[in-house]
Amino acid sequence: PDTLEPRPDTETLLDATLPFAKSTAERLGQCRILDLGTGTGAIALALLSAIPAATATGVDISPGALATATRNAADLGLGGRFKALHSNWFEKVSGRYHLITANPPYIPSRDIGNLQDEVRDFDPRQALDGGVDGLIPYRIIAGEAEGFLEAQGKVAVEIGHTQQSEVTAIFAAAGYRLSEARRDLGGNDRVLVFER
């Protein structure tokens, strides 16, 4: 009840980040991943399961989500490489990471009531509501990620299917270059990967 239900769209984020995370681990013997708004831990744990040399910190503002992610990590035998951190975005984060991932809340507040019943009635509102224009989390991530990103690191975010140009502009204004854009299985714009 404390987390967004992971959906197939998010597999696009894994497809976009796995080659980079794998090559980083092969090159450096490690890959440190920061997963913002980790929820169930699905993104971080999928990457850890595919890359034995990787470690991940899953950040969430919801203690219930962190408990779920920690339990999932333990159930998957990944507890030793996954750390749950209670933080409002980067507030309590320390260190630098090779890869920062996020499937942040990106629905504009006014649109929450129009969502499908199974989303609106069962997913936590704070996991859906991206503020007035749905872009507040992207502004925070673009504005603060640099302080936590290794040189040649990447930031990968899931987006709403109409948000590619706005999110790209937000990151560009913060000094990032779009290195990849991917569509989901339904052909909708879904994932953007940025580097400095």
Protein backbone atom coordinates (compact mmCIF):
# COMPACT_ATOMS: atom_id res chain seq x y z
CA PRO A 1 0.00 0.00 0.00
CA ASP A 2 2.95 2.38 0.46
CA THR A 3 4.36 2.04 -3.04
CA LEU A 4 3.54 2.56 -6.68
CA GLU A 5 2.81 -0.75 -8.38
CA PRO A 6 5.72 -1.36 -10.79
CA ARG A 7 4.57 -1.39 -14.41
CA PRO A 8 6.07 -2.69 -17.67
CA ASP A 9 6.82 0.91 -18.77
CA THR A 10 9.63 1.00 -16.22
CA GLU A 11 11.40 -1.88 -17.97
CA THR A 12 12.31 0.78 -20.56
CA LEU A 13 14.38 2.54 -17.90
CA LEU A 14 16.26 -0.69 -17.20
CA ASP A 15 16.85 -1.33 -20.91
CA ALA A 16 18.31 2.17 -21.21
CA THR A 17 20.61 1.97 -18.17
CA LEU A 18 21.75 -1.65 -17.99
CA PRO A 19 24.45 -1.46 -20.71
CA PHE A 20 26.01 1.64 -19.11
CA ALA A 21 25.87 0.19 -15.59
CA LYS A 22 27.37 -3.12 -16.80
CA SER A 23 30.21 -1.45 -18.69
CA THR A 24 30.94 0.81 -15.70
CA ALA A 25 31.16 -2.23 -13.41
CA GLU A 26 33.42 -4.04 -15.90
CA ARG A 27 35.68 -1.01 -16.29
CA LEU A 28 35.91 0.05 -12.64
CA GLY A 29 35.05 -3.14 -10.75
CA GLN A 30 32.02 -1.38 -9.30
CA CYS A 31 28.96 0.68 -10.20
CA ARG A 32 27.28 2.81 -7.55
CA ILE A 33 23.60 3.47 -8.25
CA LEU A 34 21.32 6.02 -6.60
CA ASP A 35 17.62 5.30 -7.13
CA LEU A 36 15.46 8.30 -6.21
CA GLY A 37 11.88 7.56 -5.14
CA THR A 38 12.77 3.88 -5.00
CA GLY A 39 9.31 2.65 -3.95
CA THR A 40 9.41 -1.15 -4.11
CA GLY A 41 13.07 -0.98 -5.10
CA ALA A 42 12.20 -2.51 -8.49
CA ILE A 43 14.66 -0.41 -10.54
CA ALA A 44 17.63 -0.67 -8.16
CA LEU A 45 17.08 -4.36 -7.44
CA ALA A 46 16.70 -5.30 -11.11
CA LEU A 47 20.03 -3.59 -11.82
CA LEU A 48 21.70 -5.27 -8.84
CA SER A 49 20.43 -8.68 -9.89
CA ALA A 50 22.00 -8.22 -13.34
CA ILE A 51 25.29 -6.69 -12.16
CA PRO A 52 27.02 -8.52 -9.30
CA ALA A 53 29.58 -5.72 -8.82
CA ALA A 54 26.92 -3.01 -8.40
CA THR A 55 25.63 -1.48 -5.19
CA ALA A 56 22.56 0.73 -4.82
CA THR A 57 21.08 3.26 -2.45
CA GLY A 58 17.30 3.52 -2.68
CA VAL A 59 15.93 6.87 -1.51
CA ASP A 60 12.32 7.47 -0.57
CA ILE A 61 10.34 9.90 1.57
CA SER A 62 7.96 7.10 2.62
CA PRO A 63 9.13 4.84 5.48
CA GLY A 64 6.61 2.24 4.30
CA ALA A 65 8.11 2.21 0.81
CA LEU A 66 11.61 1.81 2.26
CA ALA A 67 10.45 -1.11 4.40
CA THR A 68 9.01 -2.75 1.27
CA ALA A 69 12.20 -2.16 -0.74
CA THR A 70 14.36 -3.53 2.09
CA ARG A 71 12.18 -6.63 2.37
CA ASN A 72 12.31 -7.15 -1.41
CA ALA A 73 16.10 -6.80 -1.39
CA ALA A 74 16.38 -9.41 1.37
CA ASP A 75 13.95 -11.77 -0.39
CA LEU A 76 16.07 -11.53 -3.55
CA GLY A 77 19.34 -12.11 -1.72
CA LEU A 78 20.47 -8.57 -2.54
CA GLY A 79 20.25 -7.05 0.95
CA GLY A 80 24.02 -6.80 1.29
CA ARG A 81 24.29 -4.52 -1.75
CA PHE A 82 21.16 -2.40 -1.21
CA LYS A 83 20.84 0.44 1.29
CA ALA A 84 17.52 2.15 2.01
CA LEU A 85 17.73 5.86 2.83
CA HIS A 86 14.87 7.95 4.23
CA SER A 87 15.31 11.29 2.48
CA ASN A 88 13.39 13.97 0.63
CA TRP A 89 15.19 13.65 -2.71
CA PHE A 90 18.90 14.48 -2.17
CA GLU A 91 18.47 15.98 1.33
CA LYS A 92 20.28 13.17 3.23
CA VAL A 93 22.22 11.66 0.34
CA SER A 94 26.01 11.62 0.51
CA GLY A 95 28.74 10.38 -1.80
CA ARG A 96 28.91 10.15 -5.58
CA TYR A 97 27.25 7.72 -7.95
CA HIS A 98 27.91 6.48 -11.46
CA LEU A 99 24.20 6.22 -12.24
CA ILE A 100 21.23 8.11 -10.83
CA THR A 101 17.82 6.69 -11.72
CA ALA A 102 14.31 7.94 -10.95
CA ASN A 103 10.73 7.15 -11.80
CA PRO A 104 9.43 10.26 -10.05
CA PRO A 105 5.84 11.42 -9.59
CA TYR A 106 5.03 13.17 -12.88
CA ILE A 107 1.25 13.52 -13.05
CA PRO A 108 0.06 17.16 -12.82
CA SER A 109 -1.98 17.56 -9.61
CA ARG A 110 -5.15 18.51 -11.51
CA ASP A 111 -5.03 15.26 -13.55
CA ILE A 112 -4.91 12.80 -10.63
CA GLY A 113 -8.69 12.51 -10.52
CA ASN A 114 -8.80 11.45 -14.19
CA LEU A 115 -6.43 8.49 -13.80
CA GLN A 116 -7.57 4.89 -14.23
CA ASP A 117 -9.35 3.62 -11.11
CA GLU A 118 -6.67 1.06 -10.31
CA VAL A 119 -4.04 3.82 -10.28
CA ARG A 120 -6.02 6.63 -8.65
CA ASP A 121 -7.56 4.48 -5.94
CA PHE A 122 -4.64 2.24 -4.99
CA ASP A 123 -1.30 3.91 -5.74
CA PRO A 124 -0.16 6.43 -3.10
CA ARG A 125 -0.82 10.01 -4.18
CA GLN A 126 2.70 11.16 -3.28
CA ALA A 127 4.04 8.58 -5.76
CA LEU A 128 1.90 10.11 -8.54
CA ASP A 129 1.59 13.85 -7.94
CA GLY A 130 4.34 15.85 -9.68
CA GLY A 131 2.95 19.24 -8.65
CA VAL A 132 1.06 21.85 -10.65
CA ASP A 133 2.70 21.00 -13.99
CA GLY A 134 3.97 17.51 -13.14
CA LEU A 135 7.58 18.67 -13.53
CA ILE A 136 8.64 19.66 -9.99
CA PRO A 137 10.64 16.45 -9.32
CA TYR A 138 12.60 16.89 -12.56
CA ARG A 139 13.58 20.44 -11.56
CA ILE A 140 14.87 19.14 -8.22
CA ILE A 141 16.79 16.25 -9.80
CA ALA A 142 18.31 18.40 -12.57
CA GLY A 143 19.20 21.14 -10.09
CA GLU A 144 20.90 18.94 -7.48
CA ALA A 145 22.17 15.75 -9.16
CA GLU A 146 25.53 17.22 -10.19
CA GLY A 147 26.75 17.23 -6.58
CA PHE A 148 26.23 13.46 -6.38
CA LEU A 149 27.29 12.35 -9.85
CA GLU A 150 30.68 10.89 -10.73
CA ALA A 151 32.50 12.25 -13.77
CA GLN A 152 31.04 10.55 -16.88
CA GLY A 153 28.03 9.56 -14.80
CA LYS A 154 24.48 9.45 -16.14
CA VAL A 155 21.04 10.45 -14.91
CA ALA A 156 18.10 8.42 -16.25
CA VAL A 157 14.47 9.37 -15.62
CA GLU A 158 11.11 7.96 -16.55
CA ILE A 159 8.72 10.61 -17.89
CA GLY A 160 5.08 11.06 -18.79
CA HIS A 161 4.53 10.48 -22.50
CA THR A 162 3.98 14.19 -23.27
CA GLN A 163 6.90 15.54 -21.21
CA GLN A 164 10.01 14.86 -23.30
CA SER A 165 10.64 18.40 -24.55
CA GLU A 166 9.94 20.04 -21.17
CA VAL A 167 12.11 17.62 -19.18
CA THR A 168 14.92 17.85 -21.75
CA ALA A 169 14.80 21.65 -21.46
CA ILE A 170 14.93 21.50 -17.65
CA PHE A 171 18.05 19.32 -17.76
CA ALA A 172 19.64 21.35 -20.56
CA ALA A 173 19.24 24.51 -18.47
CA ALA A 174 21.12 22.72 -15.66
CA GLY A 175 24.02 21.86 -17.99
CA TYR A 176 23.07 18.36 -19.14
CA ARG A 177 23.03 16.86 -22.61
CA LEU A 178 20.40 14.32 -23.68
CA SER A 179 22.33 11.16 -24.55
CA GLU A 180 19.36 8.88 -25.19
CA ALA A 181 15.57 8.94 -25.43
CA ARG A 182 13.56 5.73 -25.43
CA ARG A 183 9.97 4.79 -26.06
CA ASP A 184 8.07 2.17 -24.09
CA LEU A 185 6.46 -0.97 -25.48
CA GLY A 186 3.40 1.08 -26.44
CA GLY A 187 5.51 3.47 -28.53
CA ASN A 188 5.20 6.38 -26.07
CA ASP A 189 8.12 8.60 -25.04
CA ARG A 190 9.10 7.14 -21.65
CA VAL A 191 12.78 7.43 -20.67
CA LEU A 192 15.44 10.13 -20.99
CA VAL A 193 19.13 9.62 -20.18
CA PHE A 194 21.32 12.65 -19.51
CA GLU A 195 25.03 13.29 -19.08
CA ARG A 196 27.10 16.42 -18.41
